[in-house]
């Protein structure tokens, strides 16, 4: 059974467009079903992170197998071009009361 997740990526802005696209596509390989993709573009950060003042934001809503999420999390954590990321499991409302 797949769970629903949200993923928001903050990618360095000094990367070539091709490299940024490759990072985003690599992250999407961990998704079973992509429900929504929003590329918010380059935005100012509230405070500097790793000496960066801007980041390229990408947000995804997807379904994924819980067994594959740890490997997705690890690959995001090890990528030095990703400044920050937030990966959340979304609780679905059950019909039981």
C-alpha atoms as a PDB file:
ATOM      1  CA  UNK A   1       0.000   0.000   0.000  1.00  0.00           C
ATOM      2  CA  UNK A   2       1.340   3.419  -0.943  1.00  0.00           C
ATOM      3  CA  UNK A   3       1.311   6.449   1.345  1.00  0.00           C
ATOM      4  CA  UNK A   4       0.925  10.086   0.344  1.00  0.00           C
ATOM      5  CA  UNK A   5       3.924  12.402   0.741  1.00  0.00           C
ATOM      6  CA  UNK A   6       4.961  16.030   0.258  1.00  0.00           C
ATOM      7  CA  UNK A   7       8.519  16.890  -0.769  1.00  0.00           C
ATOM      8  CA  UNK A   8       9.958  20.393  -0.983  1.00  0.00           C
ATOM      9  CA  UNK A   9      13.490  20.839  -2.332  1.00  0.00           C
ATOM     10  CA  UNK A  10      15.761  23.878  -2.067  1.00  0.00           C
ATOM     11  CA  UNK A  11      18.464  23.591  -4.730  1.00  0.00           C
ATOM     12  CA  UNK A  12      21.493  25.852  -5.171  1.00  0.00           C
ATOM     13  CA  UNK A  13      20.920  28.634  -7.703  1.00  0.00           C
ATOM     14  CA  UNK A  14      24.441  28.760  -9.148  1.00  0.00           C
ATOM     15  CA  UNK A  15      23.958  25.433 -10.958  1.00  0.00           C
ATOM     16  CA  UNK A  16      23.409  25.144 -14.711  1.00  0.00           C
ATOM     17  CA  UNK A  17      19.775  24.526 -15.716  1.00  0.00           C
ATOM     18  CA  UNK A  18      20.650  21.012 -16.925  1.00  0.00           C
ATOM     19  CA  UNK A  19      22.159  20.018 -13.576  1.00  0.00           C
ATOM     20  CA  UNK A  20      19.196  21.406 -11.640  1.00  0.00           C
ATOM     21  CA  UNK A  21      16.803  19.469 -13.896  1.00  0.00           C
ATOM     22  CA  UNK A  22      18.820  16.273 -13.357  1.00  0.00           C
ATOM     23  CA  UNK A  23      18.622  16.699  -9.566  1.00  0.00           C
ATOM     24  CA  UNK A  24      14.848  17.180  -9.698  1.00  0.00           C
ATOM     25  CA  UNK A  25      14.344  14.233 -12.074  1.00  0.00           C
ATOM     26  CA  UNK A  26      16.512  12.002  -9.853  1.00  0.00           C
ATOM     27  CA  UNK A  27      14.333  12.865  -6.863  1.00  0.00           C
ATOM     28  CA  UNK A  28      11.170  12.078  -8.846  1.00  0.00           C
ATOM     29  CA  UNK A  29      12.426   8.532  -9.594  1.00  0.00           C
ATOM     30  CA  UNK A  30      11.574   7.636  -5.985  1.00  0.00           C
ATOM     31  CA  UNK A  31       7.890   8.414  -6.537  1.00  0.00           C
ATOM     32  CA  UNK A  32       5.372   5.685  -7.366  1.00  0.00           C
ATOM     33  CA  UNK A  33       2.725   8.186  -8.551  1.00  0.00           C
ATOM     34  CA  UNK A  34       3.393  11.899  -9.025  1.00  0.00           C
ATOM     35  CA  UNK A  35       0.204  13.796  -8.138  1.00  0.00           C
ATOM     36  CA  UNK A  36       1.427  17.383  -8.325  1.00  0.00           C
ATOM     37  CA  UNK A  37       4.627  19.184  -9.306  1.00  0.00           C
ATOM     38  CA  UNK A  38       5.195  22.876  -8.642  1.00  0.00           C
ATOM     39  CA  UNK A  39       8.442  24.538  -9.649  1.00  0.00           C
ATOM     40  CA  UNK A  40       8.385  27.772  -7.675  1.00  0.00           C
ATOM     41  CA  UNK A  41      11.651  29.025  -9.119  1.00  0.00           C
ATOM     42  CA  UNK A  42      14.352  31.120  -7.507  1.00  0.00           C
ATOM     43  CA  UNK A  43      13.442  32.830  -4.246  1.00  0.00           C
ATOM     44  CA  UNK A  44      15.203  34.620  -1.425  1.00  0.00           C
ATOM     45  CA  UNK A  45      15.843  32.624   1.740  1.00  0.00           C
ATOM     46  CA  UNK A  46      14.713  34.009   5.093  1.00  0.00           C
ATOM     47  CA  UNK A  47      18.279  33.536   6.364  1.00  0.00           C
ATOM     48  CA  UNK A  48      21.515  32.291   4.741  1.00  0.00           C
ATOM     49  CA  UNK A  49      21.879  28.514   4.539  1.00  0.00           C
ATOM     50  CA  UNK A  50      25.360  27.183   3.715  1.00  0.00           C
ATOM     51  CA  UNK A  51      26.330  30.737   2.647  1.00  0.00           C
ATOM     52  CA  UNK A  52      23.487  30.787   0.090  1.00  0.00           C
ATOM     53  CA  UNK A  53      21.016  33.678   0.095  1.00  0.00           C
ATOM     54  CA  UNK A  54      18.740  32.315  -2.650  1.00  0.00           C
ATOM     55  CA  UNK A  55      17.490  28.882  -3.616  1.00  0.00           C
ATOM     56  CA  UNK A  56      15.480  27.241  -6.389  1.00  0.00           C
ATOM     57  CA  UNK A  57      12.286  25.815  -4.860  1.00  0.00           C
ATOM     58  CA  UNK A  58      10.494  22.708  -6.127  1.00  0.00           C
ATOM     59  CA  UNK A  59       7.462  21.128  -4.430  1.00  0.00           C
ATOM     60  CA  UNK A  60       5.927  17.704  -5.105  1.00  0.00           C
ATOM     61  CA  UNK A  61       2.927  15.751  -3.907  1.00  0.00           C
ATOM     62  CA  UNK A  62       3.270  12.031  -4.592  1.00  0.00           C
ATOM     63  CA  UNK A  63       2.416   8.499  -3.585  1.00  0.00           C
ATOM     64  CA  UNK A  64       5.239   6.204  -2.627  1.00  0.00           C
ATOM     65  CA  UNK A  65       5.974   2.794  -1.228  1.00  0.00           C
ATOM     66  CA  UNK A  66       7.040   3.194   2.427  1.00  0.00           C
ATOM     67  CA  UNK A  67       9.903   0.751   1.817  1.00  0.00           C
ATOM     68  CA  UNK A  68      11.505   3.051  -0.789  1.00  0.00           C
ATOM     69  CA  UNK A  69      11.272   6.292   1.226  1.00  0.00           C
ATOM     70  CA  UNK A  70      14.453   5.696   3.308  1.00  0.00           C
ATOM     71  CA  UNK A  71      16.536   5.363   0.125  1.00  0.00           C
ATOM     72  CA  UNK A  72      14.952   8.557  -1.288  1.00  0.00           C
ATOM     73  CA  UNK A  73      15.688  10.347   1.984  1.00  0.00           C
ATOM     74  CA  UNK A  74      19.309   9.171   1.931  1.00  0.00           C
ATOM     75  CA  UNK A  75      19.879  10.249  -1.679  1.00  0.00           C
ATOM     76  CA  UNK A  76      18.466  13.719  -0.919  1.00  0.00           C
ATOM     77  CA  UNK A  77      20.614  14.026   2.202  1.00  0.00           C
ATOM     78  CA  UNK A  78      23.817  13.066   0.361  1.00  0.00           C
ATOM     79  CA  UNK A  79      23.345  15.436  -2.590  1.00  0.00           C
ATOM     80  CA  UNK A  80      25.488  18.505  -1.883  1.00  0.00           C
ATOM     81  CA  UNK A  81      23.564  20.652  -4.397  1.00  0.00           C
ATOM     82  CA  UNK A  82      20.374  20.365  -2.328  1.00  0.00           C
ATOM     83  CA  UNK A  83      20.541  23.046   0.355  1.00  0.00           C
ATOM     84  CA  UNK A  84      17.522  21.774   2.308  1.00  0.00           C
ATOM     85  CA  UNK A  85      14.573  19.476   1.817  1.00  0.00           C
ATOM     86  CA  UNK A  86      11.425  18.600   3.675  1.00  0.00           C
ATOM     87  CA  UNK A  87       9.837  15.183   3.207  1.00  0.00           C
ATOM     88  CA  UNK A  88       6.514  14.619   4.971  1.00  0.00           C
ATOM     89  CA  UNK A  89       4.059  11.754   5.031  1.00  0.00           C
ATOM     90  CA  UNK A  90       0.519  13.065   4.715  1.00  0.00           C
ATOM     91  CA  UNK A  91      -2.194  11.453   6.782  1.00  0.00           C
ATOM     92  CA  UNK A  92      -5.293  10.694   4.774  1.00  0.00           C
ATOM     93  CA  UNK A  93      -8.686  11.081   6.374  1.00  0.00           C
ATOM     94  CA  UNK A  94     -10.234   7.718   7.001  1.00  0.00           C
ATOM     95  CA  UNK A  95     -13.924   7.137   6.482  1.00  0.00           C
ATOM     96  CA  UNK A  96     -14.191   5.523   9.929  1.00  0.00           C
ATOM     97  CA  UNK A  97     -15.488   7.648  12.803  1.00  0.00           C
END
